């Protein structure tokens, strides 16, 4: 939801429901800040799910990042590789195949040597 600050203030003055309006604004501001923080993420791997979050690893920095389940694309699962693009996460199945192939080759080499 996009909120126009001017509209929000005018609505609060008319309705005299300042607390509710302020709460709504704060929640939307927090969501916006979280989305801004996620812009630094190029690729993540979902490690596991805990309650309403996905515990992920930033593939570039190796940092642990928590993402709300509602922000994940449909079909995301443990091991999924996601790319952050145009303000949202998308499944990166091509990268998943590359990583799976590389892991399989390493395991084959390990067992055959």
N, C-alpha and C. Protein backbone atom coordinates (compact mmCIF):
# COMPACT_ATOMS: atom_id res chain seq x y z
N UNK A 1 0.84 -1.16 0.00
CA UNK A 1 0.00 0.00 0.00
C UNK A 1 0.89 1.23 0.00
N UNK A 2 0.68 2.16 -0.89
CA UNK A 2 1.40 3.42 -0.89
C UNK A 2 0.58 4.46 -0.15
N UNK A 3 1.23 5.19 0.73
CA UNK A 3 0.52 6.19 1.53
C UNK A 3 1.08 7.56 1.21
N UNK A 4 0.18 8.48 0.94
CA UNK A 4 0.53 9.88 0.72
C UNK A 4 0.45 10.57 2.07
N UNK A 5 1.55 11.15 2.53
CA UNK A 5 1.61 11.76 3.85
C UNK A 5 0.58 12.88 4.01
N UNK A 6 0.42 13.70 2.98
CA UNK A 6 -0.56 14.78 3.05
C UNK A 6 -1.97 14.26 3.23
N UNK A 7 -2.34 13.23 2.47
CA UNK A 7 -3.67 12.62 2.62
C UNK A 7 -3.84 12.04 4.01
N UNK A 8 -2.80 11.44 4.52
CA UNK A 8 -2.86 10.83 5.83
C UNK A 8 -3.13 11.88 6.91
N UNK A 9 -2.44 13.00 6.82
CA UNK A 9 -2.62 14.07 7.81
C UNK A 9 -4.03 14.66 7.71
N UNK A 10 -4.50 14.91 6.49
CA UNK A 10 -5.86 15.45 6.32
C UNK A 10 -6.91 14.49 6.86
N UNK A 11 -6.72 13.20 6.62
CA UNK A 11 -7.66 12.20 7.12
C UNK A 11 -7.65 12.17 8.64
N UNK A 12 -6.47 12.26 9.23
CA UNK A 12 -6.36 12.24 10.69
C UNK A 12 -7.06 13.44 11.30
N UNK A 13 -6.95 14.61 10.67
CA UNK A 13 -7.61 15.81 11.18
C UNK A 13 -9.12 15.69 11.09
N UNK A 14 -9.61 15.12 10.01
CA UNK A 14 -11.06 14.97 9.83
C UNK A 14 -11.64 13.94 10.79
N UNK A 15 -10.98 12.81 10.91
CA UNK A 15 -11.52 11.70 11.69
C UNK A 15 -11.16 11.77 13.17
N UNK A 16 -10.21 12.59 13.51
CA UNK A 16 -9.73 12.70 14.90
C UNK A 16 -9.26 11.35 15.43
N UNK A 17 -8.81 10.49 14.53
CA UNK A 17 -8.33 9.15 14.89
C UNK A 17 -6.82 9.12 14.69
N UNK A 18 -6.15 10.02 15.38
CA UNK A 18 -4.72 10.19 15.18
C UNK A 18 -3.91 8.95 15.49
N UNK A 19 -4.26 8.26 16.56
CA UNK A 19 -3.47 7.08 16.95
C UNK A 19 -3.49 6.01 15.87
N UNK A 20 -4.66 5.72 15.31
CA UNK A 20 -4.78 4.71 14.27
C UNK A 20 -4.02 5.14 13.01
N UNK A 21 -4.15 6.40 12.65
CA UNK A 21 -3.46 6.92 11.46
C UNK A 21 -1.95 6.86 11.66
N UNK A 22 -1.49 7.23 12.84
CA UNK A 22 -0.05 7.22 13.12
C UNK A 22 0.47 5.78 13.09
N UNK A 23 -0.30 4.85 13.69
CA UNK A 23 0.10 3.44 13.66
C UNK A 23 0.21 2.92 12.22
N UNK A 24 -0.76 3.28 11.39
CA UNK A 24 -0.74 2.86 9.99
C UNK A 24 0.49 3.43 9.29
N UNK A 25 0.77 4.69 9.54
CA UNK A 25 1.93 5.33 8.91
C UNK A 25 3.23 4.66 9.35
N UNK A 26 3.35 4.38 10.62
CA UNK A 26 4.57 3.76 11.14
C UNK A 26 4.76 2.37 10.52
N UNK A 27 3.68 1.59 10.43
CA UNK A 27 3.78 0.26 9.83
C UNK A 27 4.22 0.33 8.37
N UNK A 28 3.65 1.26 7.63
CA UNK A 28 4.02 1.42 6.23
C UNK A 28 5.45 1.91 6.09
N UNK A 29 5.87 2.79 6.97
CA UNK A 29 7.25 3.29 6.96
C UNK A 29 8.22 2.14 7.24
N UNK A 30 7.89 1.29 8.21
CA UNK A 30 8.74 0.13 8.52
C UNK A 30 8.84 -0.80 7.31
N UNK A 31 7.71 -1.05 6.64
CA UNK A 31 7.74 -1.90 5.45
C UNK A 31 8.63 -1.30 4.37
N UNK A 32 8.51 0.02 4.18
CA UNK A 32 9.33 0.70 3.17
C UNK A 32 10.81 0.62 3.50
N UNK A 33 11.15 0.82 4.76
CA UNK A 33 12.55 0.73 5.17
C UNK A 33 13.08 -0.68 4.99
N UNK A 34 12.26 -1.66 5.30
CA UNK A 34 12.68 -3.06 5.12
C UNK A 34 12.93 -3.35 3.64
N UNK A 35 12.03 -2.85 2.78
CA UNK A 35 12.24 -3.05 1.34
C UNK A 35 13.50 -2.35 0.87
N UNK A 36 13.79 -1.16 1.43
CA UNK A 36 15.03 -0.46 1.06
C UNK A 36 16.24 -1.26 1.49
N UNK A 37 16.20 -1.84 2.68
CA UNK A 37 17.31 -2.67 3.16
C UNK A 37 17.51 -3.87 2.26
N UNK A 38 16.42 -4.46 1.79
CA UNK A 38 16.51 -5.63 0.94
C UNK A 38 17.10 -5.31 -0.43
N UNK A 39 17.12 -4.05 -0.81
CA UNK A 39 17.69 -3.68 -2.11
C UNK A 39 19.18 -3.99 -2.18
N UNK A 40 19.83 -4.03 -1.01
CA UNK A 40 21.25 -4.36 -0.98
C UNK A 40 21.49 -5.83 -1.30
N UNK A 41 20.44 -6.62 -1.20
CA UNK A 41 20.55 -8.05 -1.43
C UNK A 41 20.38 -8.32 -2.92
N UNK A 42 21.34 -9.00 -3.49
CA UNK A 42 21.22 -9.38 -4.89
C UNK A 42 20.70 -10.80 -5.01
N UNK A 43 21.27 -11.70 -4.21
CA UNK A 43 20.85 -13.11 -4.23
C UNK A 43 20.89 -13.67 -2.82
N UNK A 44 19.87 -14.46 -2.51
CA UNK A 44 19.85 -15.16 -1.22
C UNK A 44 19.51 -16.62 -1.45
N UNK A 45 19.91 -17.45 -0.51
CA UNK A 45 19.51 -18.85 -0.49
C UNK A 45 18.69 -19.05 0.78
N UNK A 46 17.53 -19.68 0.63
CA UNK A 46 16.70 -19.96 1.80
C UNK A 46 17.31 -21.15 2.53
N UNK A 47 17.67 -20.93 3.77
CA UNK A 47 18.26 -21.99 4.60
C UNK A 47 17.16 -22.79 5.29
N UNK A 48 16.21 -22.08 5.91
CA UNK A 48 15.14 -22.75 6.64
C UNK A 48 14.01 -21.75 6.91
N UNK A 49 12.92 -22.31 7.41
CA UNK A 49 11.77 -21.49 7.78
C UNK A 49 11.58 -21.56 9.29
N UNK A 50 11.31 -20.43 9.90
CA UNK A 50 11.03 -20.35 11.33
C UNK A 50 9.81 -19.45 11.51
N UNK A 51 8.70 -20.06 11.92
CA UNK A 51 7.45 -19.34 12.09
C UNK A 51 7.08 -18.60 10.81
N UNK A 52 7.05 -17.27 10.86
CA UNK A 52 6.61 -16.50 9.69
C UNK A 52 7.77 -15.85 8.93
N UNK A 53 8.99 -16.39 9.11
CA UNK A 53 10.13 -15.84 8.38
C UNK A 53 10.92 -16.96 7.70
N UNK A 54 11.63 -16.56 6.67
CA UNK A 54 12.59 -17.44 6.02
C UNK A 54 13.97 -16.96 6.44
N UNK A 55 14.74 -17.87 7.00
CA UNK A 55 16.12 -17.55 7.38
C UNK A 55 16.96 -17.83 6.15
N UNK A 56 17.62 -16.80 5.65
CA UNK A 56 18.33 -16.89 4.37
C UNK A 56 19.78 -16.47 4.54
N UNK A 57 20.58 -16.84 3.53
CA UNK A 57 21.97 -16.42 3.49
C UNK A 57 22.16 -15.54 2.27
N UNK A 58 22.71 -14.36 2.50
CA UNK A 58 23.09 -13.48 1.39
C UNK A 58 24.25 -14.16 0.68
N UNK A 59 24.07 -14.51 -0.59
CA UNK A 59 25.07 -15.29 -1.31
C UNK A 59 26.37 -14.51 -1.53
N UNK A 60 26.30 -13.20 -1.47
CA UNK A 60 27.49 -12.38 -1.69
C UNK A 60 28.27 -12.17 -0.39
N UNK A 61 27.56 -11.77 0.68
CA UNK A 61 28.24 -11.41 1.93
C UNK A 61 28.26 -12.53 2.95
N UNK A 62 27.46 -13.59 2.70
CA UNK A 62 27.33 -14.73 3.62
C UNK A 62 26.62 -14.35 4.92
N UNK A 63 26.03 -13.17 4.99
CA UNK A 63 25.28 -12.75 6.17
C UNK A 63 23.92 -13.44 6.20
N UNK A 64 23.41 -13.65 7.41
CA UNK A 64 22.08 -14.21 7.58
C UNK A 64 21.07 -13.08 7.48
N UNK A 65 20.02 -13.31 6.70
CA UNK A 65 18.98 -12.31 6.46
C UNK A 65 17.64 -12.98 6.71
N UNK A 66 16.78 -12.33 7.47
CA UNK A 66 15.43 -12.83 7.71
C UNK A 66 14.46 -12.12 6.78
N UNK A 67 13.68 -12.90 6.05
CA UNK A 67 12.71 -12.36 5.11
C UNK A 67 11.33 -12.86 5.53
N UNK A 68 10.35 -11.97 5.55
CA UNK A 68 8.99 -12.38 5.88
C UNK A 68 8.46 -13.28 4.79
N UNK A 69 7.72 -14.31 5.19
CA UNK A 69 7.17 -15.27 4.23
C UNK A 69 6.33 -14.57 3.17
N UNK A 70 5.62 -13.52 3.56
CA UNK A 70 4.75 -12.83 2.60
C UNK A 70 5.53 -12.15 1.48
N UNK A 71 6.83 -11.97 1.67
CA UNK A 71 7.65 -11.33 0.64
C UNK A 71 8.26 -12.34 -0.34
N UNK A 72 8.10 -13.63 -0.04
CA UNK A 72 8.68 -14.66 -0.89
C UNK A 72 7.76 -14.99 -2.06
N UNK A 73 8.35 -15.37 -3.18
CA UNK A 73 7.52 -15.78 -4.31
C UNK A 73 6.90 -17.15 -4.07
N UNK A 74 5.82 -17.41 -4.75
CA UNK A 74 5.17 -18.71 -4.64
C UNK A 74 6.15 -19.80 -5.09
N UNK A 75 6.18 -20.89 -4.37
CA UNK A 75 7.05 -22.00 -4.73
C UNK A 75 8.41 -21.95 -4.06
N UNK A 76 8.70 -20.90 -3.29
CA UNK A 76 9.99 -20.82 -2.60
C UNK A 76 10.04 -21.89 -1.52
N UNK A 77 11.21 -22.55 -1.41
CA UNK A 77 11.38 -23.64 -0.45
C UNK A 77 12.82 -23.61 0.07
N UNK A 78 13.10 -24.45 1.05
CA UNK A 78 14.47 -24.54 1.55
C UNK A 78 15.39 -24.88 0.39
N UNK A 79 16.48 -24.14 0.27
CA UNK A 79 17.43 -24.36 -0.82
C UNK A 79 17.17 -23.49 -2.03
N UNK A 80 16.00 -22.85 -2.09
CA UNK A 80 15.71 -21.97 -3.23
C UNK A 80 16.68 -20.80 -3.25
N UNK A 81 17.07 -20.43 -4.46
CA UNK A 81 17.90 -19.24 -4.63
C UNK A 81 16.98 -18.16 -5.20
N UNK A 82 16.98 -17.01 -4.52
CA UNK A 82 16.13 -15.91 -4.93
C UNK A 82 16.97 -14.71 -5.32
N UNK A 83 16.51 -14.00 -6.31
CA UNK A 83 17.15 -12.77 -6.74
C UNK A 83 16.21 -11.62 -6.43
N UNK A 84 16.75 -10.53 -5.90
CA UNK A 84 15.94 -9.35 -5.60
C UNK A 84 15.98 -8.45 -6.82
N UNK A 85 14.81 -8.25 -7.42
CA UNK A 85 14.75 -7.47 -8.65
C UNK A 85 13.46 -6.66 -8.67
N UNK A 86 13.60 -5.39 -8.98
CA UNK A 86 12.46 -4.48 -9.10
C UNK A 86 11.58 -4.51 -7.85
N UNK A 87 12.22 -4.52 -6.69
CA UNK A 87 11.51 -4.42 -5.43
C UNK A 87 10.90 -5.69 -4.90
N UNK A 88 11.23 -6.84 -5.50
CA UNK A 88 10.67 -8.09 -4.99
C UNK A 88 11.62 -9.24 -5.26
N UNK A 89 11.41 -10.33 -4.54
CA UNK A 89 12.21 -11.53 -4.73
C UNK A 89 11.57 -12.40 -5.80
N UNK A 90 12.42 -12.96 -6.65
CA UNK A 90 11.95 -13.90 -7.67
C UNK A 90 12.81 -15.16 -7.59
N UNK A 91 12.20 -16.30 -7.92
CA UNK A 91 12.95 -17.55 -7.94
C UNK A 91 13.98 -17.50 -9.06
N UNK A 92 15.20 -17.92 -8.76
CA UNK A 92 16.26 -17.96 -9.76
C UNK A 92 16.59 -19.44 -10.02
N UNK A 93 15.73 -20.06 -10.82
CA UNK A 93 15.87 -21.50 -11.07
C UNK A 93 17.13 -21.82 -11.87
N UNK A 94 17.55 -20.92 -12.72
CA UNK A 94 18.78 -21.14 -13.49
C UNK A 94 19.98 -21.25 -12.55
N UNK A 95 20.06 -20.35 -11.60
CA UNK A 95 21.16 -20.37 -10.62
C UNK A 95 21.08 -21.63 -9.77
N UNK A 96 19.86 -22.04 -9.39
CA UNK A 96 19.70 -23.27 -8.62
C UNK A 96 20.24 -24.47 -9.38
N UNK A 97 19.95 -24.53 -10.68
CA UNK A 97 20.46 -25.65 -11.49
C UNK A 97 21.98 -25.63 -11.55
N UNK A 98 22.57 -24.43 -11.72
CA UNK A 98 24.03 -24.31 -11.77
C UNK A 98 24.65 -24.81 -10.47
N UNK A 99 24.09 -24.38 -9.34
CA UNK A 99 24.64 -24.77 -8.04
C UNK A 99 24.48 -26.27 -7.82
N UNK A 100 23.30 -26.81 -8.16
CA UNK A 100 23.07 -28.25 -8.01
C UNK A 100 24.05 -29.06 -8.85
N UNK A 101 24.28 -28.60 -10.07
CA UNK A 101 25.21 -29.30 -10.96
C UNK A 101 26.63 -29.27 -10.38
N UNK A 102 27.03 -28.10 -9.88
CA UNK A 102 28.37 -27.96 -9.32
C UNK A 102 28.53 -28.86 -8.08
N UNK A 103 27.51 -28.92 -7.24
CA UNK A 103 27.58 -29.76 -6.04
C UNK A 103 27.64 -31.23 -6.44
N UNK A 104 26.81 -31.61 -7.41
CA UNK A 104 26.82 -33.00 -7.88
C UNK A 104 28.19 -33.38 -8.42
N UNK A 105 28.81 -32.49 -9.21
CA UNK A 105 30.14 -32.77 -9.77
C UNK A 105 31.17 -32.93 -8.65
N UNK A 106 31.09 -32.08 -7.63
CA UNK A 106 32.02 -32.20 -6.51
C UNK A 106 31.83 -33.50 -5.76
N UNK A 107 30.57 -33.87 -5.56
CA UNK A 107 30.30 -35.14 -4.85
C UNK A 107 30.78 -36.33 -5.70
N UNK A 108 30.54 -36.29 -7.01
CA UNK A 108 31.01 -37.37 -7.88
C UNK A 108 32.52 -37.49 -7.82
N UNK A 109 33.22 -36.35 -7.86
CA UNK A 109 34.67 -36.36 -7.79
C UNK A 109 35.17 -36.91 -6.45
N UNK A 110 34.46 -36.57 -5.41
CA UNK A 110 34.83 -37.02 -4.06
C UNK A 110 34.70 -38.54 -3.96
N UNK A 111 33.60 -39.08 -4.46
CA UNK A 111 33.34 -40.50 -4.34
C UNK A 111 34.15 -41.32 -5.34
N UNK A 112 34.54 -40.74 -6.45
CA UNK A 112 35.27 -41.48 -7.47
C UNK A 112 36.79 -41.39 -7.32
N UNK A 113 37.26 -40.59 -6.39
CA UNK A 113 38.72 -40.46 -6.21
C UNK A 113 39.16 -41.09 -4.93
